[in-house]
Amino acid sequence: MNMKMTKVKKALSLVSLILVSSAFAQTTKFKVTLDAGHGDHDFGAVYHGYVEKNIALGVVLKVGKILEQDPSIQVNYTRKSDVFVDLVERANIANRADANLFVSIHCNANKNQEAYGTETYVMGLSKSASSLEVAKKENAVITLEENYKQKYAGYNPNSPESIISATVAQEEYMDQSIDFAHKVQDNFDIKLNRKVRGVKQAPFMVLHKAFMPRVLIEMGFISNKEEGAYLNSEEGQLNVAKSIADAIFRLKADHFGGSVPVLDIQKSEKPIKKDTIKKVTENKPVKETLSVNQTTRDAIKAVENKSAALDKNKPVFKIQIKASKSLIELKSENFNGLDKISMVLEGDFYKYLYGETNDYEVSKKLLAEAKAKGYDSAFIVPFKGGIKISLNEAVKNK
C-alpha cells in the first residue's frame, strides 16, 4: 500500500512539474496583439474600390501567419473576420492577453489623391495639423459604437490634459514604441522601397488604453490609385506583412532575445506621382508654439549649473529627444537650440538626450522645454549607474 502511495505521489509530482514547466514556458513567450482597423459596418476609408477594413485584415492575417511559425511568439487578434470591435475593447484584448506589443494596422487617405507614403504613429500630443487630422479620422469610428458618449466620457483627444494623463502611466513603454516605429519605417523604406513619411505622434483612442509598447501603422494612401492598387494586391499585402513581421522579430530580438529569421521581402516600385502634401518632421527647427514661463527657465538653468554635482548613485532623469542611425555632432544648432545634449548607442541607433537631473519634477520641466522646441515625441528616460531603468522604478527610488 505504501509503495503504491509512493508511486502515486511521484506521478503527481511529475505531473505538477510538467504543468509548472509548461506554464513557465507559456509566460516566457513574446506576446503580440494584432489589430486590423475597422470592420463590418465600419468600412474605414474607401477610394477607387479599395476598402480599408479589407486591406487591414488581409495584412494582419498575413503578419500573424508569419509570426505563428515561431514557437516563441504567441499571437492574438482583435478580429480575424469582418466584425466590428469597439476601440476600447481592442486595447482590452491586448491587456487581457498581457501582450508585449500592440500593433494596429490601417490605411491612410486624403482628399489630395496625389498623397502617398507610410507613417507609423505612437501615442501622444502633436502640433502637426496633418497628424491630428489622421487621428481625428481614425477616432471618428467611436460614433458607431453604442453609448459612446458614456464610454469615452472624460477623454478628449484635443485636450493636452487628457493625453498627458493617459500617457504618464505608460511612459516606460514609449521607448520601445518609438524603437519599433522606427524599425517599421526603416523596413518600408529600405527593404520594401516605399516612400516613408516618418515616425509621428498623435492622440489615437485605440492606443489610449493599451498598457504595453504600441503603435498604429498607416500602410499607405488608398486614395492614391497606384498605392491603393499595391495595398489591395496579394503581392503588396504579403510584402507589407513581411516588413511588419520583420520589425516585430527585430524588436523581440533586441529586447527579449531570440533570432531574426530571413524574410524574402520583394522591393516595390514607388508611385511616380508628385506628392504635394508637405511632410512634417520633428527633426527640423520649428517655430516655438508652447510657452515656457520664467519659473521653468530658471529651474532649467539651475539644473544646468548643478549638473556636475549630480548624485550618480540616485536615478538620473534625462530627456530623449531623438533616435537616429546617423551620428550627429552634439552642437546646440543641430538640436533646435537645445544644449546639454548627450548621446548613447543602443543597437543600430544613436539616442540623443537633453539635460540631466536627479529631480523627477524638474525633468518634467525639461521635457516641456524639449517639446517647446519641436520634439513632440520626447520623453523622460531614467538611468541609474549609467544603466537605463524603468520610470516606475526610478520614481520609487528617487
Protein backbone atom coordinates (compact mmCIF):
# COMPACT_ATOMS: atom_id res chain seq x y z
CA MET A 1 0.00 0.00 0.00
CA ASN A 2 2.82 2.38 0.94
CA MET A 3 4.66 1.54 -2.28
CA LYS A 4 1.53 2.33 -4.30
CA MET A 5 1.08 5.63 -2.48
CA THR A 6 4.72 6.49 -3.09
CA LYS A 7 4.32 5.79 -6.81
CA VAL A 8 1.15 7.89 -6.92
CA LYS A 9 2.93 10.78 -5.16
CA LYS A 10 5.84 10.54 -7.56
CA ALA A 11 3.47 10.53 -10.53
CA LEU A 12 1.58 13.55 -9.18
CA SER A 13 4.87 15.35 -8.56
CA LEU A 14 5.94 14.63 -12.13
CA VAL A 15 2.62 15.95 -13.46
CA SER A 16 2.96 19.06 -11.30
CA LEU A 17 6.48 19.61 -12.57
CA ILE A 18 5.31 19.28 -16.17
CA LEU A 19 2.43 21.71 -15.57
CA VAL A 20 4.70 24.23 -13.88
CA SER A 21 7.25 23.89 -16.66
CA SER A 22 4.50 24.30 -19.25
CA ALA A 23 3.14 27.38 -17.51
CA PHE A 24 6.62 28.87 -17.29
CA ALA A 25 7.20 28.20 -20.99
CA GLN A 26 3.95 29.98 -21.80
CA THR A 27 4.85 33.04 -19.73
CA THR A 28 8.20 33.32 -21.48
CA LYS A 29 6.58 33.64 -24.89
CA PHE A 30 6.68 37.01 -26.63
CA LYS A 31 3.03 38.02 -26.97
CA VAL A 32 1.83 40.16 -29.86
CA THR A 33 -1.69 41.53 -30.34
CA LEU A 34 -2.50 42.40 -33.95
CA ASP A 35 -5.35 44.81 -34.61
CA ALA A 36 -6.95 45.12 -38.04
CA GLY A 37 -8.59 48.55 -38.17
CA HIS A 38 -12.34 48.99 -38.68
CA GLY A 39 -14.66 46.10 -39.64
CA ASP A 40 -18.26 45.17 -40.54
CA HIS A 41 -20.36 48.36 -40.96
CA ASP A 42 -17.24 50.48 -40.31
CA PHE A 43 -15.54 50.39 -43.73
CA GLY A 44 -12.81 52.89 -42.93
CA ALA A 45 -11.53 54.76 -45.98
CA VAL A 46 -12.96 53.76 -49.37
CA TYR A 47 -11.42 55.00 -52.63
CA HIS A 48 -11.31 53.61 -56.18
CA GLY A 49 -12.96 50.39 -54.98
CA TYR A 50 -10.26 49.83 -52.33
CA VAL A 51 -11.71 49.27 -48.84
CA GLU A 52 -9.55 49.92 -45.78
CA LYS A 53 -11.19 47.31 -43.50
CA ASN A 54 -10.47 44.52 -46.01
CA ILE A 55 -6.87 45.53 -46.70
CA ALA A 56 -6.09 45.92 -42.98
CA LEU A 57 -7.50 42.47 -42.21
CA GLY A 58 -5.65 40.88 -45.12
CA VAL A 59 -2.30 42.25 -43.93
CA VAL A 60 -2.95 41.41 -40.26
CA LEU A 61 -3.72 37.76 -41.05
CA LYS A 62 -0.54 37.53 -43.13
CA VAL A 63 1.58 39.09 -40.37
CA GLY A 64 0.07 36.66 -37.87
CA LYS A 65 0.72 33.65 -40.09
CA ILE A 66 4.41 34.60 -40.35
CA LEU A 67 4.80 35.18 -36.61
CA GLU A 68 3.00 31.97 -35.68
CA GLN A 69 5.75 29.95 -37.34
CA ASP A 70 8.00 30.98 -34.43
CA PRO A 71 7.10 28.83 -31.37
CA SER A 72 8.46 31.51 -29.03
CA ILE A 73 5.81 34.00 -30.20
CA GLN A 74 2.15 33.97 -29.20
CA VAL A 75 -0.19 35.91 -31.47
CA ASN A 76 -3.71 37.05 -30.68
CA TYR A 77 -6.04 39.18 -32.77
CA THR A 78 -8.66 41.81 -32.10
CA ARG A 79 -10.51 40.42 -35.11
CA LYS A 80 -9.91 37.65 -37.65
CA SER A 81 -13.02 38.24 -39.72
CA ASP A 82 -15.27 41.07 -40.89
CA VAL A 83 -16.67 42.06 -37.48
CA PHE A 84 -16.91 45.34 -35.59
CA VAL A 85 -14.89 45.74 -32.38
CA ASP A 86 -15.09 48.83 -30.14
CA LEU A 87 -11.85 50.82 -29.92
CA VAL A 88 -11.55 50.40 -26.16
CA GLU A 89 -12.19 46.65 -26.48
CA ARG A 90 -9.29 46.34 -28.92
CA ALA A 91 -6.96 47.67 -26.22
CA ASN A 92 -8.65 45.47 -23.61
CA ILE A 93 -7.96 42.37 -25.72
CA ALA A 94 -4.26 43.24 -25.69
CA ASN A 95 -4.30 43.96 -21.95
CA ARG A 96 -6.05 40.70 -21.12
CA ALA A 97 -3.52 38.80 -23.21
CA ASP A 98 -0.71 40.57 -21.29
CA ALA A 99 0.76 41.43 -24.68
CA ASN A 100 4.34 42.63 -25.07
CA LEU A 101 3.38 44.60 -28.19
CA PHE A 102 0.18 46.02 -29.70
CA VAL A 103 0.14 46.76 -33.43
CA SER A 104 -2.86 48.48 -35.01
CA ILE A 105 -2.85 48.38 -38.82
CA HIS A 106 -4.66 50.87 -41.07
CA CYS A 107 -4.68 52.57 -44.47
CA ASN A 108 -4.46 56.32 -44.91
CA ALA A 109 -6.48 58.56 -47.24
CA ASN A 110 -6.53 62.20 -48.25
CA LYS A 111 -8.66 64.45 -50.45
CA ASN A 112 -5.44 65.24 -52.28
CA GLN A 113 -5.15 61.98 -54.17
CA GLU A 114 -1.51 62.60 -55.03
CA ALA A 115 -0.54 61.97 -51.39
CA TYR A 116 1.22 58.68 -50.75
CA GLY A 117 3.61 57.03 -48.31
CA THR A 118 3.71 55.22 -44.99
CA GLU A 119 3.54 56.60 -41.46
CA THR A 120 3.91 54.94 -38.06
CA TYR A 121 2.39 56.60 -35.00
CA VAL A 122 2.98 56.41 -31.28
CA MET A 123 0.52 57.73 -28.71
CA GLY A 124 0.74 61.36 -27.64
CA LEU A 125 0.19 65.01 -28.39
CA SER A 126 1.09 66.60 -31.70
CA LYS A 127 1.25 70.14 -33.04
CA SER A 128 1.18 68.79 -36.61
CA ALA A 129 -2.15 69.51 -38.31
CA SER A 130 -1.74 66.52 -40.63
CA SER A 131 -1.09 64.11 -37.71
CA LEU A 132 -4.10 65.43 -35.81
CA GLU A 133 -6.26 65.06 -38.92
CA VAL A 134 -5.24 61.39 -39.30
CA ALA A 135 -6.08 60.73 -35.63
CA LYS A 136 -9.39 62.57 -35.95
CA LYS A 137 -10.45 60.35 -38.87
CA GLU A 138 -9.47 57.13 -37.09
CA ASN A 139 -11.11 58.26 -33.81
CA ALA A 140 -14.39 59.09 -35.59
CA VAL A 141 -15.28 55.39 -35.50
CA ILE A 142 -16.38 55.72 -31.85
CA THR A 143 -19.61 57.37 -33.03
CA LEU A 144 -20.57 53.97 -34.47
CA GLU A 145 -20.38 52.39 -31.02
CA GLU A 146 -23.31 52.09 -28.61
CA ASN A 147 -23.24 54.52 -25.66
CA TYR A 148 -20.01 56.04 -26.94
CA LYS A 149 -20.54 59.31 -25.05
CA GLN A 150 -20.65 57.47 -21.73
CA LYS A 151 -17.93 55.00 -22.69
CA TYR A 152 -15.41 57.69 -23.61
CA ALA A 153 -16.53 60.34 -21.13
CA GLY A 154 -13.61 62.42 -19.88
CA TYR A 155 -11.36 61.61 -22.81
CA ASN A 156 -10.85 64.46 -25.24
CA PRO A 157 -8.15 63.79 -27.88
CA ASN A 158 -7.82 67.55 -28.39
CA SER A 159 -7.11 68.17 -24.70
CA PRO A 160 -3.47 68.16 -23.51
CA GLU A 161 -4.68 67.18 -20.03
CA SER A 162 -6.45 64.07 -21.37
CA ILE A 163 -3.40 62.95 -23.34
CA ILE A 164 -0.94 63.67 -20.54
CA SER A 165 -2.97 61.69 -18.00
CA ALA A 166 -3.23 58.83 -20.50
CA THR A 167 0.49 58.72 -21.26
CA VAL A 168 2.18 59.37 -17.90
CA ALA A 169 1.36 55.85 -16.68
CA GLN A 170 2.65 54.44 -19.98
CA GLU A 171 5.89 56.42 -20.28
CA GLU A 172 8.01 53.35 -19.62
CA TYR A 173 6.64 51.85 -22.87
CA MET A 174 7.36 54.89 -25.02
CA ASP A 175 10.99 53.99 -25.70
CA GLN A 176 10.12 50.60 -27.18
CA SER A 177 7.14 52.08 -29.04
CA ILE A 178 9.37 54.61 -30.79
CA ASP A 179 12.08 51.99 -31.37
CA PHE A 180 9.57 49.66 -33.02
CA ALA A 181 8.02 52.50 -35.05
CA HIS A 182 11.46 53.32 -36.48
CA LYS A 183 12.05 49.65 -37.31
CA VAL A 184 8.78 49.56 -39.27
CA GLN A 185 9.56 52.75 -41.16
CA ASP A 186 13.13 51.61 -41.90
CA ASN A 187 11.80 48.35 -43.38
CA PHE A 188 9.23 50.16 -45.50
CA ASP A 189 11.97 52.46 -46.79
CA ILE A 190 14.99 50.18 -47.24
CA LYS A 191 13.58 46.68 -47.68
CA LEU A 192 10.24 47.46 -49.34
CA ASN A 193 11.26 50.62 -51.22
CA ARG A 194 8.13 52.55 -50.24
CA LYS A 195 8.02 56.25 -49.50
CA VAL A 196 8.15 56.89 -45.75
CA ARG A 197 6.68 59.93 -44.04
CA GLY A 198 8.28 59.24 -40.68
CA VAL A 199 7.52 58.30 -37.09
CA LYS A 200 4.87 60.62 -35.66
CA GLN A 201 2.84 61.19 -32.53
CA ALA A 202 -0.94 61.64 -32.34
CA PRO A 203 -3.81 61.00 -29.88
CA PHE A 204 -5.31 57.75 -31.21
CA MET A 205 -8.04 56.36 -28.99
CA VAL A 206 -7.21 52.77 -29.97
CA LEU A 207 -3.77 53.25 -28.35
CA HIS A 208 -5.12 55.17 -25.36
CA LYS A 209 -5.82 52.20 -23.04
CA ALA A 210 -3.20 49.70 -24.24
CA PHE A 211 -0.61 49.25 -21.49
CA MET A 212 2.38 47.99 -23.44
CA PRO A 213 4.53 49.25 -26.33
CA ARG A 214 2.01 50.13 -29.04
CA VAL A 215 1.91 51.73 -32.45
CA LEU A 216 -0.54 52.47 -35.22
CA ILE A 217 0.72 51.85 -38.76
CA GLU A 218 -0.70 53.69 -41.76
CA MET A 219 0.46 51.43 -44.61
CA GLY A 220 -0.18 53.97 -47.34
CA PHE A 221 -2.86 56.07 -49.04
CA ILE A 222 -5.62 54.12 -50.74
CA SER A 223 -6.83 57.48 -52.06
CA ASN A 224 -3.76 57.32 -54.32
CA LYS A 225 -4.67 54.97 -57.20
CA GLU A 226 -1.20 53.47 -57.57
CA GLU A 227 -0.60 52.98 -53.86
CA GLY A 228 -4.15 51.75 -53.33
CA ALA A 229 -3.70 49.14 -56.07
CA TYR A 230 -0.46 47.97 -54.46
CA LEU A 231 -2.02 47.65 -51.00
CA ASN A 232 -5.06 45.88 -52.42
CA SER A 233 -2.93 43.30 -54.25
CA GLU A 234 -1.91 39.95 -52.80
CA GLU A 235 1.75 40.67 -53.54
CA GLY A 236 1.62 44.11 -51.94
CA GLN A 237 -0.10 42.85 -48.78
CA LEU A 238 2.33 39.95 -48.41
CA ASN A 239 5.42 42.15 -48.66
CA VAL A 240 3.98 44.80 -46.34
CA ALA A 241 3.16 41.99 -43.89
CA LYS A 242 6.72 40.62 -44.14
CA SER A 243 8.12 44.11 -43.46
CA ILE A 244 5.98 44.48 -40.33
CA ALA A 245 6.73 40.93 -39.14
CA ASP A 246 10.47 41.52 -39.63
CA ALA A 247 10.26 44.63 -37.44
CA ILE A 248 8.48 42.58 -34.75
CA PHE A 249 11.15 39.86 -34.88
CA ARG A 250 13.83 42.55 -34.53
CA LEU A 251 12.12 44.21 -31.57
CA LYS A 252 11.82 40.84 -29.87
CA ALA A 253 15.49 40.03 -30.52
CA ASP A 254 16.64 43.43 -29.21
CA HIS A 255 14.60 43.47 -26.01
CA PHE A 256 13.62 39.86 -25.28
CA GLY A 257 16.22 37.75 -27.08
CA GLY A 258 15.93 35.25 -29.89
CA SER A 259 16.89 35.17 -33.55
CA VAL A 260 15.59 37.05 -36.58
CA PRO A 261 14.51 34.83 -39.50
CA VAL A 262 15.35 35.90 -43.03
CA LEU A 263 12.18 37.00 -44.84
CA ASP A 264 12.17 37.41 -48.62
CA ILE A 265 10.79 40.94 -48.99
CA GLN A 266 10.33 41.97 -52.60
CA LYS A 267 11.01 45.65 -53.28
CA SER A 268 8.23 47.56 -54.99
CA GLU A 269 8.24 50.45 -57.40
CA LYS A 270 7.36 53.69 -55.69
CA PRO A 271 4.45 55.72 -57.12
CA ILE A 272 5.76 58.36 -59.51
CA LYS A 273 3.11 60.99 -58.87
CA LYS A 274 4.28 64.12 -57.10
CA ASP A 275 3.05 64.36 -53.51
CA THR A 276 2.11 67.98 -52.86
CA ILE A 277 1.39 67.45 -49.16
CA LYS A 278 4.34 68.71 -47.18
CA LYS A 279 6.00 66.18 -44.92
CA VAL A 280 6.31 67.50 -41.36
CA THR A 281 9.23 66.16 -39.37
CA GLU A 282 10.19 66.86 -35.80
CA ASN A 283 13.88 66.84 -36.65
CA LYS A 284 13.91 70.26 -38.32
CA PRO A 285 13.65 73.51 -36.39
CA VAL A 286 10.05 74.64 -35.97
CA LYS A 287 8.57 77.80 -34.59
CA GLU A 288 8.12 77.58 -30.83
CA THR A 289 4.42 77.31 -30.10
CA LEU A 290 4.45 76.29 -26.44
CA SER A 291 5.09 78.92 -23.80
CA VAL A 292 7.71 78.16 -21.16
CA ASN A 293 7.38 80.55 -18.25
CA GLN A 294 10.30 82.18 -16.46
CA THR A 295 9.97 79.87 -13.46
CA THR A 296 10.54 76.87 -15.74
CA ARG A 297 13.52 78.53 -17.41
CA ASP A 298 15.02 79.41 -14.02
CA ALA A 299 14.60 75.81 -12.87
CA ILE A 300 16.28 74.52 -16.01
CA LYS A 301 19.15 77.00 -15.61
CA ALA A 302 19.61 75.88 -12.01
CA VAL A 303 19.78 72.25 -13.16
CA GLU A 304 22.43 73.12 -15.73
CA ASN A 305 24.52 74.94 -13.12
CA LYS A 306 24.36 71.96 -10.75
CA SER A 307 24.70 69.19 -13.35
CA ALA A 308 28.28 68.46 -12.33
CA ALA A 309 27.06 67.82 -8.78
CA LEU A 310 24.61 65.08 -9.76
CA ASP A 311 24.38 62.13 -7.39
CA LYS A 312 25.17 59.21 -9.71
CA ASN A 313 24.01 56.75 -7.04
CA LYS A 314 20.48 58.05 -7.42
CA PRO A 315 18.30 57.86 -10.53
CA VAL A 316 19.28 60.42 -13.16
CA PHE A 317 16.48 61.64 -15.42
CA LYS A 318 17.24 62.69 -19.00
CA ILE A 319 15.02 63.61 -21.93
CA GLN A 320 15.29 61.51 -25.07
CA ILE A 321 14.59 63.83 -27.99
CA LYS A 322 15.71 61.83 -30.97
CA ALA A 323 16.81 58.41 -32.22
CA SER A 324 18.75 58.10 -35.45
CA LYS A 325 21.11 55.79 -37.30
CA SER A 326 23.21 58.86 -38.06
CA LEU A 327 25.90 60.19 -35.74
CA ILE A 328 25.15 63.87 -35.17
CA GLU A 329 27.62 66.35 -33.70
CA LEU A 330 26.41 67.42 -30.26
CA LYS A 331 26.03 71.09 -31.10
CA SER A 332 23.11 73.23 -29.99
CA GLU A 333 22.30 74.26 -33.57
CA ASN A 334 21.78 70.60 -34.50
CA PHE A 335 19.09 70.23 -31.83
CA ASN A 336 16.79 73.20 -32.36
CA GLY A 337 18.80 75.34 -29.95
CA LEU A 338 18.88 72.86 -27.06
CA ASP A 339 22.24 72.41 -25.34
CA LYS A 340 23.46 69.96 -22.67
CA ILE A 341 22.97 67.14 -25.20
CA SER A 342 24.37 63.66 -24.59
CA MET A 343 24.22 60.51 -26.69
CA VAL A 344 24.03 56.75 -26.11
CA LEU A 345 24.33 54.00 -28.72
CA GLU A 346 21.72 51.24 -28.46
CA GLY A 347 21.78 48.61 -31.17
CA ASP A 348 21.91 50.43 -34.51
CA PHE A 349 20.53 53.68 -33.12
CA TYR A 350 22.17 56.74 -31.64
CA LYS A 351 19.82 58.12 -28.99
CA TYR A 352 20.15 61.80 -28.19
CA LEU A 353 19.29 63.06 -24.71
CA TYR A 354 18.71 66.54 -23.35
CA GLY A 355 19.61 67.67 -19.81
CA GLU A 356 20.00 65.59 -16.66
CA THR A 357 18.69 65.87 -13.11
CA ASN A 358 18.05 63.79 -10.00
CA ASP A 359 14.72 65.58 -9.56
CA TYR A 360 11.78 63.97 -11.36
CA GLU A 361 9.70 67.16 -11.14
CA VAL A 362 12.48 69.18 -12.77
CA SER A 363 12.75 66.54 -15.50
CA LYS A 364 9.11 67.24 -16.39
CA LYS A 365 10.06 70.88 -16.93
CA LEU A 366 12.99 69.81 -19.10
CA LEU A 367 10.53 67.69 -21.08
CA ALA A 368 8.29 70.74 -21.59
CA GLU A 369 11.30 72.69 -22.86
CA ALA A 370 12.17 69.92 -25.37
CA LYS A 371 8.59 69.75 -26.62
CA ALA A 372 8.51 73.53 -26.94
CA LYS A 373 11.50 73.25 -29.27
CA GLY A 374 9.57 70.95 -31.59
CA TYR A 375 10.42 67.50 -30.20
CA ASP A 376 6.84 66.25 -29.87
CA SER A 377 7.95 62.64 -29.30
CA ALA A 378 10.38 63.48 -26.48
CA PHE A 379 10.05 61.50 -23.25
CA ILE A 380 11.75 61.04 -19.90
CA VAL A 381 14.41 58.33 -19.64
CA PRO A 382 15.81 57.40 -16.21
CA PHE A 383 19.27 55.92 -15.62
CA LYS A 384 20.96 54.51 -12.54
CA GLY A 385 24.67 53.78 -12.51
CA GLY A 386 24.71 54.53 -16.23
CA ILE A 387 22.11 51.82 -16.93
CA LYS A 388 18.60 52.60 -18.20
CA ILE A 389 15.83 51.66 -15.74
CA SER A 390 12.03 51.88 -15.86
CA LEU A 391 10.35 55.13 -14.92
CA ASN A 392 8.30 53.41 -12.21
CA GLU A 393 11.46 52.04 -10.59
CA ALA A 394 13.18 55.42 -10.81
CA VAL A 395 10.30 57.33 -9.22
CA LYS A 396 10.10 54.80 -6.36
CA ASN A 397 13.84 55.02 -5.69
CA LYS A 398 14.33 58.77 -6.15
